Protein backbone atom coordinates (compact mmCIF):
# COMPACT_ATOMS: atom_id res chain seq x y z
CA MET A 1 48.16 32.58 2.77
CA SER A 2 51.81 33.26 1.50
CA TYR A 3 54.68 31.35 2.38
CA VAL A 4 57.11 33.09 4.97
CA ALA A 5 60.86 31.75 4.86
CA PRO A 6 62.17 30.86 8.32
CA LEU A 7 65.21 32.66 7.81
CA LYS A 8 66.02 33.27 11.32
CA ASP A 9 65.61 29.61 12.16
CA MET A 10 67.66 28.49 8.80
CA LEU A 11 70.62 31.02 9.46
CA PHE A 12 70.64 29.94 12.95
CA VAL A 13 70.79 26.04 11.93
CA ILE A 14 73.54 26.92 9.25
CA ASN A 15 75.90 28.99 11.54
CA GLU A 16 75.28 27.22 14.95
CA LEU A 17 74.77 23.76 14.13
CA ALA A 18 75.81 23.01 10.46
CA GLY A 19 78.88 25.12 11.13
CA LEU A 20 79.19 27.78 8.19
CA SER A 21 82.42 29.14 9.21
CA ALA A 22 84.02 25.76 8.60
CA VAL A 23 82.38 25.30 5.39
CA ASN A 24 83.59 28.57 4.27
CA ALA A 25 87.04 27.88 5.25
CA LEU A 26 87.01 24.78 2.82
CA PRO A 27 89.08 25.23 -0.30
CA GLY A 28 86.70 26.22 -3.24
CA CYS A 29 83.95 27.72 -0.75
CA GLU A 30 85.43 30.96 0.24
CA ASP A 31 82.66 32.79 -1.54
CA ALA A 32 80.15 31.36 1.02
CA THR A 33 80.80 33.91 3.67
CA PRO A 34 78.24 34.81 6.38
CA GLU A 35 77.28 38.08 4.73
CA THR A 36 76.80 36.39 1.12
CA VAL A 37 74.83 33.26 2.70
CA GLU A 38 72.41 35.87 4.27
CA ALA A 39 72.06 37.75 1.24
CA VAL A 40 71.39 34.85 -1.23
CA LEU A 41 68.88 33.24 1.49
CA GLU A 42 66.89 36.48 1.79
CA GLU A 43 66.84 37.13 -2.18
CA ASN A 44 65.74 33.46 -2.46
CA ALA A 45 63.02 33.84 0.10
CA ARG A 46 61.93 36.78 -1.74
CA PHE A 47 61.57 35.25 -4.84
CA CYS A 48 59.97 31.93 -3.61
CA SER A 49 57.16 33.93 -1.76
CA GLU A 50 56.22 36.45 -4.10
CA VAL A 51 56.95 34.56 -7.53
CA VAL A 52 56.54 30.91 -6.70
CA ALA A 53 54.30 30.62 -3.87
CA PRO A 54 51.25 32.55 -5.14
CA LEU A 55 51.12 29.73 -7.91
CA ASN A 56 50.74 26.81 -5.54
CA PHE A 57 46.93 26.82 -4.90
CA GLU A 58 46.01 27.63 -8.54
CA GLY A 59 48.23 24.72 -9.70
CA ASP A 60 46.16 22.41 -7.48
CA LYS A 61 43.02 23.79 -8.88
CA GLU A 62 44.08 24.05 -12.78
CA PRO A 63 46.68 21.60 -13.12
CA SER A 64 48.82 20.75 -16.10
CA PHE A 65 47.00 19.44 -18.83
CA TRP A 66 48.29 17.03 -21.84
CA HIS A 67 46.37 17.43 -25.44
CA ASP A 68 47.74 15.62 -28.61
CA GLY A 69 51.16 14.78 -27.34
CA GLN A 70 51.88 18.62 -25.83
CA VAL A 71 51.66 19.31 -22.02
CA THR A 72 50.60 22.93 -21.06
CA THR A 73 51.40 23.91 -17.38
CA THR A 74 49.51 25.73 -14.83
CA LYS A 75 48.96 29.54 -16.13
CA GLY A 76 52.19 31.53 -14.70
CA PHE A 77 54.41 28.47 -14.41
CA LYS A 78 56.32 29.20 -17.84
CA GLN A 79 57.00 32.81 -16.84
CA ALA A 80 58.01 31.84 -13.06
CA PHE A 81 60.47 29.42 -14.39
CA LYS A 82 61.90 31.64 -16.91
CA ALA A 83 62.40 34.13 -14.09
CA PHE A 84 63.89 31.31 -11.78
CA GLY A 85 66.66 30.51 -14.38
CA GLU A 86 67.40 34.18 -15.11
CA ALA A 87 68.18 34.82 -11.50
CA GLY A 88 70.26 31.99 -11.61
CA TRP A 89 68.55 29.59 -8.74
CA GLN A 90 69.20 26.73 -11.00
CA GLY A 91 72.67 27.03 -10.74
CA VAL A 92 73.30 27.59 -6.70
CA GLN A 93 75.64 24.58 -6.25
CA HIS A 94 76.62 23.77 -9.56
CA PRO A 95 80.13 24.78 -11.13
CA VAL A 96 81.08 28.04 -12.20
CA ASP A 97 82.81 26.78 -15.44
CA PHE A 98 79.13 26.14 -16.92
CA GLY A 99 77.53 29.42 -15.40
CA GLY A 100 76.91 27.98 -12.14
CA GLN A 101 77.20 29.76 -8.79
CA GLY A 102 79.43 27.57 -7.39
CA LEU A 103 78.05 27.57 -3.56
CA PRO A 104 78.18 24.98 -1.04
CA LYS A 105 75.54 22.06 -0.80
CA LEU A 106 74.92 23.80 2.56
CA VAL A 107 73.78 26.92 0.99
CA ALA A 108 71.67 25.26 -1.94
CA THR A 109 70.11 23.11 0.73
CA PRO A 110 67.84 26.19 2.21
CA CYS A 111 66.87 27.28 -1.12
CA ILE A 112 65.80 23.92 -1.93
CA GLU A 113 63.47 23.78 1.17
CA MET A 114 61.94 27.13 0.27
CA LEU A 115 61.43 26.24 -3.25
CA ASN A 116 59.56 23.26 -2.18
CA ALA A 117 57.82 25.09 0.78
CA ALA A 118 56.48 27.66 -1.80
CA ASN A 119 55.35 25.17 -4.45
CA LEU A 120 56.01 21.61 -4.45
CA SER A 121 54.78 21.01 -8.05
CA PHE A 122 56.95 23.68 -9.46
CA ALA A 123 59.93 22.53 -7.36
CA LEU A 124 60.18 19.26 -9.01
CA CYS A 125 61.28 20.41 -12.31
CA PRO A 126 64.70 21.99 -10.74
CA LEU A 127 64.87 19.01 -8.66
CA LEU A 128 64.95 16.60 -11.70
CA THR A 129 67.46 19.12 -13.64
CA ASP A 130 69.69 19.09 -10.80
CA GLY A 131 69.87 15.18 -11.01
CA ALA A 132 70.57 15.31 -14.56
CA ILE A 133 73.22 17.82 -14.25
CA GLU A 134 75.24 15.56 -11.34
CA ALA A 135 75.00 12.63 -13.84
CA LEU A 136 76.49 14.52 -16.69
CA MET A 137 79.33 15.99 -14.33
CA THR A 138 80.02 12.70 -13.09
CA ALA A 139 80.00 10.44 -16.12
CA GLY A 140 79.29 12.40 -19.22
CA THR A 141 81.83 12.93 -22.09
CA ASP A 142 83.40 16.31 -22.68
CA ALA A 143 80.99 16.77 -25.54
CA GLN A 144 78.07 15.95 -23.51
CA LYS A 145 79.16 18.47 -20.78
CA GLU A 146 79.75 21.15 -23.47
CA THR A 147 76.39 20.26 -25.06
CA TYR A 148 74.24 20.26 -22.26
CA LEU A 149 75.22 21.46 -19.00
CA ALA A 150 75.11 25.22 -19.52
CA ASN A 151 71.59 25.22 -21.00
CA LEU A 152 70.55 23.25 -17.94
CA ILE A 153 72.31 25.12 -15.46
CA SER A 154 70.66 28.47 -16.98
CA GLY A 155 67.13 27.05 -16.73
CA LYS A 156 67.04 27.14 -20.66
CA TRP A 157 66.64 23.64 -20.79
CA THR A 158 65.52 21.21 -18.22
CA GLY A 159 66.08 17.47 -17.44
CA THR A 160 64.53 14.06 -16.51
CA MET A 161 65.10 10.69 -15.11
CA ASN A 162 63.38 7.78 -17.09
CA LEU A 163 63.91 4.54 -14.80
CA THR A 164 60.60 3.19 -14.50
CA GLU A 165 58.47 0.93 -17.09
CA PRO A 166 55.16 -0.70 -16.56
CA GLN A 167 56.65 -4.12 -15.26
CA ALA A 168 59.46 -2.39 -13.84
CA GLY A 169 58.90 -0.39 -10.77
CA SER A 170 61.46 -0.61 -8.01
CA ASP A 171 63.07 -3.46 -9.55
CA LEU A 172 65.13 -2.15 -12.38
CA ALA A 173 66.71 -5.74 -13.27
CA MET A 174 63.19 -6.09 -15.41
CA VAL A 175 64.07 -2.75 -17.23
CA ARG A 176 63.48 -3.58 -20.98
CA SER A 177 63.68 -0.48 -23.21
CA ARG A 178 66.36 -1.17 -25.85
CA ALA A 179 69.29 0.86 -27.13
CA VAL A 180 70.49 -0.27 -30.54
CA PRO A 181 73.84 1.06 -31.60
CA GLN A 182 74.35 2.70 -35.00
CA GLY A 183 77.75 2.61 -35.50
CA ASP A 184 78.28 6.38 -35.65
CA GLY A 185 78.32 6.72 -31.85
CA THR A 186 74.49 7.18 -31.68
CA TYR A 187 71.98 4.52 -30.52
CA LYS A 188 68.34 4.26 -31.54
CA VAL A 189 66.16 3.76 -28.17
CA PHE A 190 62.95 1.96 -28.05
CA GLY A 191 60.44 1.43 -25.26
CA THR A 192 58.13 2.66 -22.76
CA LYS A 193 58.65 5.00 -19.48
CA ILE A 194 56.18 5.74 -16.73
CA PHE A 195 56.18 8.34 -14.07
CA ILE A 196 58.37 10.82 -15.84
CA THR A 197 58.16 13.98 -13.82
CA TYR A 198 58.11 16.98 -16.17
CA GLY A 199 58.71 14.19 -18.84
CA GLU A 200 56.69 16.69 -21.12
CA HIS A 201 55.88 20.43 -20.71
CA ASP A 202 56.13 23.91 -22.12
CA MET A 203 58.66 25.96 -19.74
CA ALA A 204 61.78 25.17 -21.33
CA GLU A 205 62.85 25.06 -25.16
CA ASN A 206 64.23 21.22 -24.81
CA ILE A 207 64.20 18.51 -22.45
CA ILE A 208 67.09 16.31 -21.89
CA HIS A 209 66.02 12.82 -20.87
CA LEU A 210 68.43 10.48 -19.22
CA VAL A 211 67.26 7.16 -20.01
CA LEU A 212 68.05 3.62 -18.93
CA ALA A 213 68.03 0.88 -21.57
CA ARG A 214 69.58 -2.22 -22.67
CA THR A 215 72.28 -2.69 -25.61
CA PRO A 216 71.46 -5.87 -27.75
CA ASP A 217 74.32 -7.83 -26.21
CA ALA A 218 73.82 -6.86 -22.57
CA PRO A 219 73.98 -9.11 -19.80
CA GLU A 220 70.55 -9.87 -17.96
CA GLY A 221 69.57 -7.97 -14.45
CA VAL A 222 70.86 -4.74 -13.18
CA LYS A 223 74.49 -5.45 -14.82
CA GLY A 224 73.24 -4.94 -18.24
CA ILE A 225 71.65 -1.64 -17.77
CA SER A 226 73.24 1.41 -19.73
CA LEU A 227 72.43 5.16 -19.42
CA PHE A 228 71.60 7.49 -22.41
CA VAL A 229 71.09 11.06 -23.36
CA VAL A 230 67.95 11.22 -25.30
CA PRO A 231 66.87 14.88 -25.89
CA LYS A 232 63.59 15.91 -26.89
CA PHE A 233 65.06 18.04 -29.78
CA LEU A 234 68.63 16.88 -31.42
CA VAL A 235 70.94 19.49 -30.91
CA ASN A 236 73.21 20.70 -33.77
CA ALA A 237 76.77 20.86 -33.82
CA ASP A 238 76.49 24.67 -33.42
CA GLY A 239 74.54 24.19 -30.09
CA SER A 240 71.20 25.25 -32.04
CA LEU A 241 68.09 23.02 -31.77
CA GLY A 242 67.55 20.45 -34.52
CA ALA A 243 64.69 18.21 -35.66
CA ARG A 244 62.30 16.58 -33.12
CA ASN A 245 63.52 13.36 -31.60
CA ASP A 246 61.32 10.30 -31.46
CA ALA A 247 60.42 10.57 -27.96
CA HIS A 248 56.74 11.27 -27.28
CA CYS A 249 54.65 12.01 -24.38
CA VAL A 250 51.35 9.70 -24.67
CA SER A 251 49.63 10.95 -21.41
CA ILE A 252 50.02 12.49 -18.14
CA GLU A 253 49.08 10.86 -15.13
CA HIS A 254 45.69 12.30 -12.84
CA LYS A 255 46.81 12.12 -9.28
CA LEU A 256 46.09 12.33 -5.58
CA GLY A 257 48.46 15.77 -5.05
CA ILE A 258 51.34 17.69 -6.71
CA LYS A 259 48.78 18.19 -9.68
CA ALA A 260 50.52 20.79 -11.31
CA SER A 261 53.78 18.78 -12.19
CA PRO A 262 53.05 16.63 -15.09
CA THR A 263 53.81 13.15 -14.63
CA ALA A 264 54.20 11.79 -18.10
CA VAL A 265 54.09 8.11 -19.98
CA LEU A 266 56.83 8.74 -22.59
CA GLN A 267 57.16 6.58 -25.73
CA PHE A 268 60.54 6.18 -27.51
CA GLY A 269 61.05 4.95 -30.76
CA ASP A 270 57.49 4.54 -32.34
CA HIS A 271 59.03 6.27 -35.45
CA GLY A 272 62.20 4.75 -36.23
CA GLY A 273 63.85 5.36 -33.08
CA ALA A 274 64.71 7.90 -30.30
CA VAL A 275 68.46 8.99 -31.33
CA GLY A 276 70.51 8.87 -27.96
CA THR A 277 74.37 8.92 -26.89
CA LEU A 278 75.90 6.51 -24.18
CA VAL A 279 76.73 8.20 -20.88
CA GLY A 280 80.04 6.61 -19.70
CA GLU A 281 80.27 3.06 -20.48
CA GLU A 282 77.82 0.52 -21.72
CA ASN A 283 76.34 -1.80 -18.74
CA ARG A 284 77.22 0.81 -16.08
CA GLY A 285 73.64 2.80 -16.37
CA LEU A 286 72.49 1.88 -12.84
CA GLU A 287 75.65 3.34 -11.31
CA TYR A 288 75.68 6.49 -12.91
CA MET A 289 71.61 6.54 -12.35
CA PHE A 290 72.34 6.35 -8.71
CA ILE A 291 74.22 9.57 -8.76
CA MET A 292 70.94 11.34 -10.01
CA MET A 293 68.93 9.23 -7.26
CA ASN A 294 71.19 10.14 -4.39
CA ALA A 295 71.17 13.99 -5.12
CA ALA A 296 67.20 13.45 -5.58
CA ARG A 297 66.86 11.54 -2.63
CA PHE A 298 68.40 14.38 -0.32
CA ALA A 299 66.08 16.65 -2.17
CA VAL A 300 63.22 15.01 -1.60
CA GLY A 301 63.93 14.64 2.13
CA MET A 302 63.89 18.47 1.78
CA GLN A 303 60.54 18.36 -0.02
CA GLY A 304 59.27 16.79 3.32
CA VAL A 305 60.68 19.76 5.17
CA GLY A 306 59.68 22.53 2.93
CA VAL A 307 55.66 20.94 2.92
CA ALA A 308 55.83 20.45 6.77
CA GLU A 309 57.12 23.74 7.21
CA ARG A 310 54.41 25.10 4.81
CA ALA A 311 51.68 23.14 6.78
CA TYR A 312 52.79 24.40 9.92
CA GLN A 313 52.58 28.11 9.04
CA LYS A 314 49.22 27.49 7.82
CA ALA A 315 48.13 25.78 11.00
CA VAL A 316 49.40 28.67 13.35
CA GLN A 317 47.68 31.12 11.22
CA TYR A 318 44.51 29.47 11.14
CA ALA A 319 44.61 28.36 15.25
CA LYS A 320 45.25 32.10 15.77
CA ASP A 321 42.35 33.25 13.66
CA ARG A 322 39.58 30.91 14.57
CA VAL A 323 37.63 31.49 17.51
CA GLN A 324 36.07 28.79 19.22
CA SER A 325 34.87 27.80 22.93
CA ARG A 326 35.92 29.19 25.96
CA ASP A 327 39.66 29.09 27.78
CA LEU A 328 39.62 26.07 30.07
CA ALA A 329 41.07 28.44 32.70
CA GLY A 330 38.00 30.69 32.27
CA SER A 331 37.26 33.43 30.08
CA ALA A 332 34.51 36.27 29.38
CA GLY A 333 33.93 34.78 26.08
CA PRO A 334 35.14 32.59 23.09
CA VAL A 335 39.17 32.55 22.26
CA ALA A 336 41.08 31.49 19.56
CA ILE A 337 41.75 27.81 19.27
CA ILE A 338 45.55 28.34 19.98
CA HIS A 339 44.22 28.84 23.80
CA GLN A 340 43.48 25.09 23.95
CA PRO A 341 45.86 22.63 25.42
CA ASP A 342 45.66 19.93 22.76
CA VAL A 343 45.88 22.57 19.93
CA ARG A 344 49.23 23.76 21.36
CA ARG A 345 50.56 20.11 21.63
CA MET A 346 49.57 19.52 17.88
CA LEU A 347 51.38 22.66 16.87
CA MET A 348 54.48 22.01 19.07
CA SER A 349 54.58 18.84 17.37
CA MET A 350 54.42 20.09 13.96
CA ARG A 351 57.03 22.79 14.79
CA ALA A 352 59.38 20.50 16.87
CA GLN A 353 59.35 17.59 14.07
CA THR A 354 60.16 20.19 11.25
CA GLU A 355 62.84 21.53 12.91
CA ALA A 356 64.68 18.63 13.94
CA ALA A 357 64.37 17.33 10.24
CA ARG A 358 65.85 20.81 9.05
CA ALA A 359 68.76 20.84 11.24
CA LEU A 360 69.71 17.06 10.47
CA SER A 361 69.39 17.78 6.68
CA TYR A 362 71.58 21.08 7.01
CA VAL A 363 74.03 19.19 9.11
CA THR A 364 74.19 16.62 6.64
CA ALA A 365 74.64 18.81 3.80
CA ALA A 366 77.56 20.39 5.35
CA ALA A 367 79.22 16.98 5.70
CA PHE A 368 78.80 16.65 1.97
CA ASP A 369 80.92 19.66 1.52
CA ALA A 370 83.44 18.63 3.76
CA ALA A 371 83.57 15.34 2.10
CA HIS A 372 84.13 17.06 -1.26
CA HIS A 373 86.04 19.98 -0.28
CA HIS A 374 88.57 19.21 2.82
CA ALA A 375 92.12 19.09 2.36
CA ASP A 376 92.24 16.09 4.68
CA ASP A 377 91.68 12.70 3.27
CA ALA A 378 90.87 10.92 6.37
CA THR A 379 88.16 13.98 7.28
CA ARG A 380 86.97 13.68 3.87
CA LYS A 381 86.31 10.17 4.31
CA ALA A 382 84.69 10.38 7.61
CA ASN A 383 82.37 13.02 6.56
CA LYS A 384 81.41 10.79 3.24
CA ALA A 385 80.52 7.93 5.43
CA PHE A 386 78.55 10.29 7.73
CA TYR A 387 76.43 11.57 4.77
CA GLU A 388 76.04 8.45 3.07
CA TYR A 389 74.53 6.95 6.27
CA MET A 390 72.39 10.10 6.74
CA VAL A 391 70.87 10.34 3.05
CA PRO A 392 68.15 7.67 3.45
CA ILE A 393 67.61 8.84 7.03
CA VAL A 394 66.89 12.60 5.22
CA LYS A 395 64.69 10.95 2.51
CA GLY A 396 62.92 8.52 4.72
CA TRP A 397 62.41 9.79 7.97
CA SER A 398 61.87 13.63 6.85
CA THR A 399 59.23 12.51 4.09
CA GLU A 400 57.12 10.18 6.89
CA MET A 401 57.38 13.06 9.19
CA SER A 402 55.61 15.65 6.38
CA ILE A 403 52.58 13.28 6.15
CA ASP A 404 52.27 13.26 9.85
CA VAL A 405 52.58 17.03 10.16
CA ALA A 406 50.28 17.81 7.21
CA SER A 407 47.74 15.41 8.76
CA THR A 408 48.04 17.41 11.97
CA GLY A 409 47.63 20.65 10.12
CA VAL A 410 44.48 19.10 8.60
CA GLN A 411 43.39 17.93 12.24
CA ILE A 412 43.81 21.72 13.67
CA HIS A 413 41.61 23.12 10.85
CA GLY A 414 38.74 20.74 12.05
CA GLY A 415 36.17 20.38 9.51
CA MET A 416 37.41 23.06 7.29
CA GLY A 417 40.46 21.28 6.94
CA PHE A 418 38.72 18.52 4.93
CA ILE A 419 37.32 21.50 2.66
CA GLU A 420 39.83 22.19 -0.19
CA GLU A 421 39.04 25.72 -0.36
CA THR A 422 41.06 26.29 2.84
CA GLY A 423 44.35 24.92 1.48
CA ALA A 424 45.06 22.69 4.39
CA ALA A 425 44.26 19.49 2.73
CA GLN A 426 46.48 20.43 -0.39
CA TYR A 427 49.74 19.65 1.76
CA TYR A 428 48.70 16.62 3.14
CA ARG A 429 47.90 15.27 -0.66
CA ASP A 430 51.03 16.62 -2.12
CA ALA A 431 53.02 15.20 1.08
CA ARG A 432 52.01 11.63 0.51
CA ILE A 433 53.97 11.16 -2.63
CA LEU A 434 57.31 11.99 -0.94
CA THR A 435 57.44 8.64 0.79
CA ILE A 436 57.21 6.86 -2.69
CA TYR A 437 59.01 8.37 -5.51
CA GLU A 438 62.88 8.16 -5.42
CA GLY A 439 62.92 4.76 -3.45
CA THR A 440 59.88 4.00 -1.08
CA THR A 441 60.91 4.44 2.82
CA ALA A 442 61.19 0.86 2.78
CA ILE A 443 63.81 1.00 0.20
CA GLN A 444 65.43 3.98 2.07
CA ALA A 445 65.49 1.53 5.06
CA ASN A 446 66.68 -1.45 3.18
CA ASP A 447 69.87 0.82 1.87
CA LEU A 448 70.17 1.89 5.77
CA VAL A 449 70.51 -1.84 6.74
CA GLY A 450 72.38 -3.41 4.15
CA ARG A 451 74.67 -0.53 2.68
CA LYS A 452 74.97 1.76 5.65
CA THR A 453 75.00 -0.46 8.62
CA VAL A 454 75.82 -4.13 8.02
CA ARG A 455 78.46 -3.45 5.30
CA ASP A 456 80.87 -1.96 8.08
CA GLY A 457 79.42 -3.83 11.22
CA GLY A 458 77.71 -0.71 12.39
CA ALA A 459 81.01 1.35 12.80
CA THR A 460 79.80 4.55 10.70
CA ALA A 461 76.64 4.34 13.17
CA LYS A 462 78.38 3.97 16.28
CA GLY A 463 80.98 6.67 15.51
CA ILE A 464 77.93 8.92 15.26
CA LEU A 465 76.66 7.74 18.30
CA ALA A 466 79.80 8.76 19.91
CA GLN A 467 79.24 12.25 18.92
CA VAL A 468 75.67 12.17 20.45
CA ARG A 469 77.17 10.87 23.61
CA GLN A 470 79.61 13.87 23.64
CA THR A 471 76.38 16.04 23.52
CA GLU A 472 74.68 14.37 26.27
CA THR A 473 78.06 15.23 28.07
CA ASP A 474 77.98 18.86 27.43
CA LEU A 475 74.21 18.67 28.63
CA ALA A 476 75.19 17.25 32.02
CA ALA A 477 77.27 19.98 32.75
CA CYS A 478 74.50 22.45 32.47
CA THR A 479 72.22 23.41 35.14
CA SER A 480 69.09 23.97 33.55
CA GLY A 481 66.24 21.76 34.09
CA ASP A 482 65.23 21.96 30.48
CA LEU A 483 68.71 20.73 29.47
CA ALA A 484 68.37 17.97 31.82
CA ALA A 485 65.27 16.94 30.84
CA ILE A 486 66.36 16.76 27.19
CA ARG A 487 69.39 14.79 28.38
CA ASN A 488 67.60 12.08 29.77
CA GLN A 489 65.65 11.35 26.70
CA LEU A 490 68.38 11.63 24.53
CA ALA A 491 70.43 9.09 26.75
CA ALA A 492 67.72 6.85 26.67
CA GLY A 493 67.23 7.22 22.50
CA SER A 494 70.78 6.62 21.99
CA LYS A 495 70.95 3.56 24.04
CA ALA A 496 68.17 2.07 22.19
CA LEU A 497 69.40 3.11 18.60
CA GLU A 498 72.86 1.24 19.79
CA GLU A 499 71.47 -1.82 20.61
CA VAL A 500 69.57 -1.57 17.36
CA VAL A 501 72.49 -1.13 15.28
CA THR A 502 74.18 -3.87 17.28
CA HIS A 503 71.16 -6.33 16.88
CA VAL A 504 71.17 -5.59 12.94
CA ALA A 505 74.63 -6.02 12.23
CA ALA A 506 74.89 -9.31 14.65
CA ASN A 507 71.76 -10.83 12.93
CA MET A 508 71.65 -10.20 9.26
CA LYS A 509 73.05 -13.60 8.24
CA SER A 510 71.23 -15.72 10.75
CA ASP A 511 67.63 -14.07 10.46
CA ILE A 512 67.57 -11.91 7.29
CA LYS A 513 63.82 -11.44 7.10
CA GLY A 514 63.77 -10.84 10.95
CA VAL A 515 66.01 -7.76 10.55
CA PHE A 516 64.30 -6.58 7.54
CA ALA A 517 60.99 -6.74 9.42
CA GLY A 518 62.34 -4.01 11.59
CA SER A 519 63.90 -1.78 8.61
CA VAL A 520 61.73 0.97 8.54
CA PRO A 521 61.22 1.47 12.39
CA TYR A 522 65.23 1.33 12.57
CA LEU A 523 65.03 4.20 10.19
CA LYS A 524 62.38 5.96 11.97
CA LEU A 525 64.34 5.35 15.34
CA ALA A 526 67.48 6.68 13.81
CA GLY A 527 65.75 9.92 12.54
CA ILE A 528 64.16 10.59 15.88
CA VAL A 529 67.27 10.01 18.03
CA LEU A 530 69.73 12.08 15.35
CA GLY A 531 67.11 14.70 14.99
CA GLY A 532 66.84 14.87 19.08
CA TRP A 533 70.43 15.29 18.97
CA GLN A 534 70.27 18.43 16.52
CA MET A 535 67.47 19.62 18.96
CA ALA A 536 69.85 19.21 22.03
CA ARG A 537 72.85 20.61 20.12
CA ALA A 538 70.37 23.72 19.64
CA ALA A 539 69.14 23.89 22.97
CA LEU A 540 72.73 24.06 23.99
CA VAL A 541 73.74 27.00 21.99
CA ALA A 542 70.53 28.72 22.87
CA GLU A 543 71.36 28.33 26.69
CA GLN A 544 74.91 29.65 25.95
CA LYS A 545 73.10 32.73 24.23
CA LEU A 546 71.01 33.33 26.99
CA GLN A 547 73.48 33.21 29.65
CA ALA A 548 75.64 35.52 27.94
CA GLY A 549 72.70 38.07 27.31
CA GLU A 550 73.08 37.61 23.46
CA GLY A 551 70.66 38.10 20.55
CA ASP A 552 66.85 37.58 20.91
CA ALA A 553 65.97 36.31 23.86
CA SER A 554 62.57 35.21 23.12
CA PHE A 555 64.13 33.30 20.00
CA TYR A 556 66.64 31.28 22.10
CA GLN A 557 63.98 30.56 24.77
CA ALA A 558 61.57 29.10 22.07
CA LYS A 559 64.61 26.90 20.89
CA ILE A 560 64.89 25.65 24.19
CA ALA A 561 61.39 24.71 24.83
CA THR A 562 60.96 23.12 21.23
CA ALA A 563 63.87 20.93 21.78
CA ARG A 564 62.39 19.96 25.10
CA PHE A 565 58.99 18.82 23.62
CA PHE A 566 60.75 17.21 21.01
CA ALA A 567 62.60 15.21 23.83
CA GLU A 568 59.54 14.17 25.58
CA HIS A 569 57.28 13.82 22.94
CA ILE A 570 58.97 12.41 20.22
CA LEU A 571 62.36 11.39 21.24
CA SER A 572 60.80 9.59 24.12
CA GLN A 573 59.33 6.85 21.63
CA ALA A 574 62.74 5.82 20.95
CA PRO A 575 62.80 2.57 23.49
CA GLY A 576 59.32 1.66 22.12
CA TYR A 577 60.86 1.24 18.44
CA ARG A 578 63.67 -0.66 20.03
CA THR A 579 61.44 -3.18 21.58
CA ALA A 580 59.52 -3.50 17.98
CA ILE A 581 62.73 -4.08 16.18
CA VAL A 582 64.78 -6.38 18.67
CA GLU A 583 62.04 -8.36 19.90
CA GLY A 584 59.07 -7.80 17.24
CA SER A 585 60.17 -9.33 14.22
CA ALA A 586 58.28 -12.81 14.97
CA GLY A 587 54.79 -10.76 15.10
CA VAL A 588 55.54 -9.33 11.79
CA LEU A 589 56.12 -12.78 10.11
CA ALA A 590 53.79 -14.98 11.98
CA LEU A 591 50.90 -15.40 9.71
CA ALA A 592 51.43 -17.60 6.71
CA GLU A 593 50.28 -15.97 3.21
CA GLU A 594 46.96 -17.91 3.03
CA GLN A 595 45.96 -16.23 6.52
CA PHE A 596 46.06 -12.62 5.42
């Protein structure tokens, strides 16, 4: 099946929940008018559905392959990527000064979702390039910006992140790659990097590797890591490509999913040393790499939303087409399985979770824009705190959700879902990586606990909960039975989340292992409560539109029904999470190592 972008829902969320009008009013965001944004999204939807989506199934069947140091991507990828760059899609949120469109993150976010829904493997190349652009924009020298940014933003060149080594997975303190200064401003880089997404491919003229390595006198641990630009081809003073650098792909991985995306093992310096230049200052590399990682973590959250949407669309189509058994209420003959109550339950679960994650992500993107562009310093700081609190939730919860949704999609297909030819299994396999790369769910949860909750004593979290309580008050002012039911569950959820935030902040010093035993459940609790908050806000808007007789009544009725389903089937789990976190740590830690 082809991918059909859910433009109506995207525009509803952008306008009614994320507040496009307020973003458009920010300094530097004047071009993001409602008319322009709708046109951008419509064109992106066309490109993704017509050019990129048809390559998704083919990429799974005929993935990228390695031969003699070269990687050949799936047939059609190279041409699609060229069209992607020429159409300006790599530069949606990047500065006009370097050839980008300079649009807000709120506009780029649905574009990222659509690309990932269309073809997750293809979308990984632009994702890593975005990260490289962000790092160079923030910490690169003027010469590095001049050399690399325009070509990265145009899609002529692509970028990578080189963190992981065979002995250094999530623990970057164990990085051992070396960078030896040459006395002329360059360094010779030596080492092995693994799991490098699009570390080698045939879709661009050059690949710009951003590599973590240690200089000879660097201190041990993460404080001794520096960041280097190491291009595949050296760049001459006039901007033309020079000699092949000593950075080579020695193999690519064979994977469960995202098969068309080449995951490379890169060897630096086997033939005298790969030439690189320092980004920023020595020993601050991890700080700069986190700029890339934070951009990538949000984008991976959007991958979760995208693949969930694609799995949902596939399941809906199958449920409408698959005729099997009689209607439980009686029918003359077999009916499509969408008539069966449990299939409806599964479809509603897929739909509701996807819509909640989309809404939470877009609202988070709008906070990023306010944090960077608002004229008032206090408003910028408040939005920055909101955004930073939300990033691990967007990454962690949305990706965990995508696995659940894609698995449910397989279930709706029944035995045919287990057969590769239907395509449902690919979404399940592809989604499985999302909770692992760019920081596992546990790493996101550790971030949520340590940096985002304990550091300020839970102040940011409780500030967000105050906004949730205002939505509860707004719901209470309505006479709708649906909205009353939503309010009941949201109130119970916000109470559970507040108790957990208080517990985490109060017990970190006295029972650190007990607190971290509940870190992932805390992240999931935050996801369902704050996702439920956005669904409640959506229901309020929909109710107001219906009362005023505005717009598409069927769309707004579906909004309310989906929000109520989320409240009663997903948000209702919140008190159980609270119990597991506040009272359940002893069970997690009860067994001695030898008892496992």
